[in-house]
């Protein structure tokens, strides 16, 4: 009887450990098991210097999504940023997407300012009002070398 309880305790410990491993894998792997709580949008920028896939999309300092993919539009030579926005957040058609820096030399993120229109951007739509990233090197060189 004593052997059975030790084996039972080890078995329960193994099952709990396996469940913890599965939970961490799902959370860290960003796996969605029960539907997709986000919708896709895109935005075009002249420069996305320093922005990368997985960076945050924020509104009023609160995370509302992530950057999923960045690609170059070879026809217009602009960067097209594909975003995933939480379904609970609806953006007006005149919303503004700006690339900002967290701190002086921190990572980049997209800050969305809400608009005032009554119409909302549909799923798969595009944010037309954008502000590109500020290139610190260009600003410094312009200040130093300008007369």
Protein backbone atom coordinates (compact mmCIF):
# COMPACT_ATOMS: atom_id res chain seq x y z
CA UNK A 1 0.00 0.00 0.00
CA UNK A 2 2.84 2.39 0.79
CA UNK A 3 4.40 1.77 -2.65
CA UNK A 4 1.10 2.68 -4.33
CA UNK A 5 0.96 6.09 -2.62
CA UNK A 6 4.54 6.95 -3.62
CA UNK A 7 3.83 5.96 -7.22
CA UNK A 8 0.61 7.94 -7.14
CA UNK A 9 2.38 11.05 -5.82
CA UNK A 10 5.05 10.80 -8.53
CA UNK A 11 2.37 10.36 -11.20
CA UNK A 12 0.41 13.38 -10.00
CA UNK A 13 3.63 15.41 -9.86
CA UNK A 14 4.44 14.41 -13.48
CA UNK A 15 0.94 15.32 -14.70
CA UNK A 16 1.11 18.74 -12.99
CA UNK A 17 4.57 19.34 -14.45
CA UNK A 18 3.35 18.41 -17.94
CA UNK A 19 0.32 20.74 -17.62
CA UNK A 20 2.61 23.59 -16.52
CA UNK A 21 4.84 22.91 -19.55
CA UNK A 22 1.85 23.00 -21.90
CA UNK A 23 0.59 26.24 -20.34
CA UNK A 24 3.98 27.95 -20.70
CA UNK A 25 4.35 26.74 -24.28
CA UNK A 26 0.95 28.16 -25.23
CA UNK A 27 1.55 31.49 -23.48
CA UNK A 28 5.11 32.06 -24.67
CA UNK A 29 4.42 30.76 -28.17
CA UNK A 30 1.49 33.16 -28.58
CA UNK A 31 -0.77 30.27 -29.64
CA UNK A 32 -4.46 31.03 -29.91
CA UNK A 33 -6.55 28.01 -29.03
CA UNK A 34 -10.04 29.49 -28.97
CA UNK A 35 -10.43 31.81 -31.94
CA UNK A 36 -8.56 34.92 -32.93
CA UNK A 37 -9.11 37.91 -30.60
CA UNK A 38 -7.47 40.28 -33.13
CA UNK A 39 -8.15 41.72 -36.55
CA UNK A 40 -5.72 42.81 -39.25
CA UNK A 41 -4.98 46.37 -40.38
CA UNK A 42 -2.16 47.89 -42.38
CA UNK A 43 -0.43 51.26 -42.54
CA UNK A 44 2.06 52.77 -45.00
CA UNK A 45 5.12 54.70 -43.85
CA UNK A 46 7.94 56.45 -45.69
CA UNK A 47 10.39 55.10 -43.09
CA UNK A 48 10.07 52.45 -40.39
CA UNK A 49 13.68 52.68 -39.26
CA UNK A 50 14.15 50.50 -36.16
CA UNK A 51 10.63 49.05 -36.11
CA UNK A 52 10.49 45.25 -36.19
CA UNK A 53 7.98 42.43 -36.16
CA UNK A 54 6.50 41.83 -32.73
CA UNK A 55 6.78 45.46 -31.59
CA UNK A 56 3.86 46.99 -29.72
CA UNK A 57 0.94 49.02 -31.02
CA UNK A 58 -0.30 51.38 -28.31
CA UNK A 59 -3.10 53.86 -27.80
CA UNK A 60 -2.92 56.25 -24.83
CA UNK A 61 -0.01 54.17 -23.48
CA UNK A 62 -2.04 50.92 -23.47
CA UNK A 63 -1.12 47.95 -25.65
CA UNK A 64 -3.81 47.36 -28.28
CA UNK A 65 -1.91 45.14 -30.69
CA UNK A 66 1.34 44.07 -32.30
CA UNK A 67 3.28 44.51 -35.52
CA UNK A 68 2.91 41.25 -37.46
CA UNK A 69 4.81 41.88 -40.68
CA UNK A 70 6.74 44.64 -42.44
CA UNK A 71 7.26 44.63 -46.18
CA UNK A 72 8.34 47.01 -48.93
CA UNK A 73 5.85 48.17 -51.55
CA UNK A 74 8.09 48.24 -54.62
CA UNK A 75 5.60 50.30 -56.63
CA UNK A 76 5.51 53.30 -54.28
CA UNK A 77 8.71 52.56 -52.30
CA UNK A 78 6.95 52.70 -48.98
CA UNK A 79 7.05 50.35 -46.02
CA UNK A 80 3.76 48.53 -45.44
CA UNK A 81 3.28 47.55 -41.81
CA UNK A 82 0.70 44.86 -41.08
CA UNK A 83 -0.84 45.16 -37.62
CA UNK A 84 -2.95 42.91 -35.43
CA UNK A 85 -5.36 44.94 -33.29
CA UNK A 86 -7.50 43.62 -30.43
CA UNK A 87 -11.12 43.11 -31.46
CA UNK A 88 -12.31 45.16 -28.50
CA UNK A 89 -10.60 48.25 -29.99
CA UNK A 90 -12.24 49.90 -32.99
CA UNK A 91 -10.28 52.59 -34.79
CA UNK A 92 -11.91 55.53 -36.57
CA UNK A 93 -11.08 56.10 -40.23
CA UNK A 94 -9.13 59.27 -39.43
CA UNK A 95 -6.92 57.67 -36.77
CA UNK A 96 -3.21 58.53 -36.96
CA UNK A 97 -0.44 55.92 -36.65
CA UNK A 98 2.96 57.29 -35.60
CA UNK A 99 6.24 55.45 -35.04
CA UNK A 100 7.65 56.47 -31.67
CA UNK A 101 10.69 55.57 -29.57
CA UNK A 102 10.43 54.33 -25.99
CA UNK A 103 12.93 56.63 -24.27
CA UNK A 104 15.92 58.24 -25.97
CA UNK A 105 17.46 55.09 -27.46
CA UNK A 106 14.72 52.60 -26.65
CA UNK A 107 12.81 50.26 -28.91
CA UNK A 108 10.27 51.50 -31.43
CA UNK A 109 6.51 51.11 -31.23
CA UNK A 110 3.46 52.38 -33.08
CA UNK A 111 1.33 54.94 -31.28
CA UNK A 112 -2.23 55.27 -32.58
CA UNK A 113 -4.10 58.51 -31.97
CA UNK A 114 -7.88 58.17 -32.24
CA UNK A 115 -9.79 60.16 -34.78
CA UNK A 116 -13.10 61.95 -34.54
CA UNK A 117 -15.08 60.36 -37.37
CA UNK A 118 -18.04 58.12 -36.74
CA UNK A 119 -16.96 55.54 -39.33
CA UNK A 120 -14.55 52.78 -38.30
CA UNK A 121 -11.78 51.07 -40.27
CA UNK A 122 -13.04 47.65 -41.41
CA UNK A 123 -11.10 44.44 -40.85
CA UNK A 124 -8.31 44.23 -43.40
CA UNK A 125 -8.47 48.00 -43.91
CA UNK A 126 -5.72 50.58 -43.84
CA UNK A 127 -4.75 53.50 -41.62
CA UNK A 128 -4.10 56.32 -44.10
CA UNK A 129 -2.79 59.01 -41.74
CA UNK A 130 0.75 58.04 -40.69
CA UNK A 131 3.89 59.68 -39.30
CA UNK A 132 7.21 58.01 -40.06
CA UNK A 133 10.01 57.35 -37.61
CA UNK A 134 12.33 60.22 -36.74
CA UNK A 135 15.92 59.41 -37.67
CA UNK A 136 18.13 60.73 -34.87
CA UNK A 137 21.29 60.53 -37.00
CA UNK A 138 19.76 62.76 -39.68
CA UNK A 139 18.69 65.32 -37.09
CA UNK A 140 22.15 65.44 -35.49
CA UNK A 141 23.97 65.70 -38.84
CA UNK A 142 21.57 68.42 -40.01
CA UNK A 143 22.23 70.39 -36.82
CA UNK A 144 26.01 69.96 -37.00
CA UNK A 145 26.58 70.57 -40.71
CA UNK A 146 23.93 73.22 -41.36
CA UNK A 147 25.18 76.82 -41.50
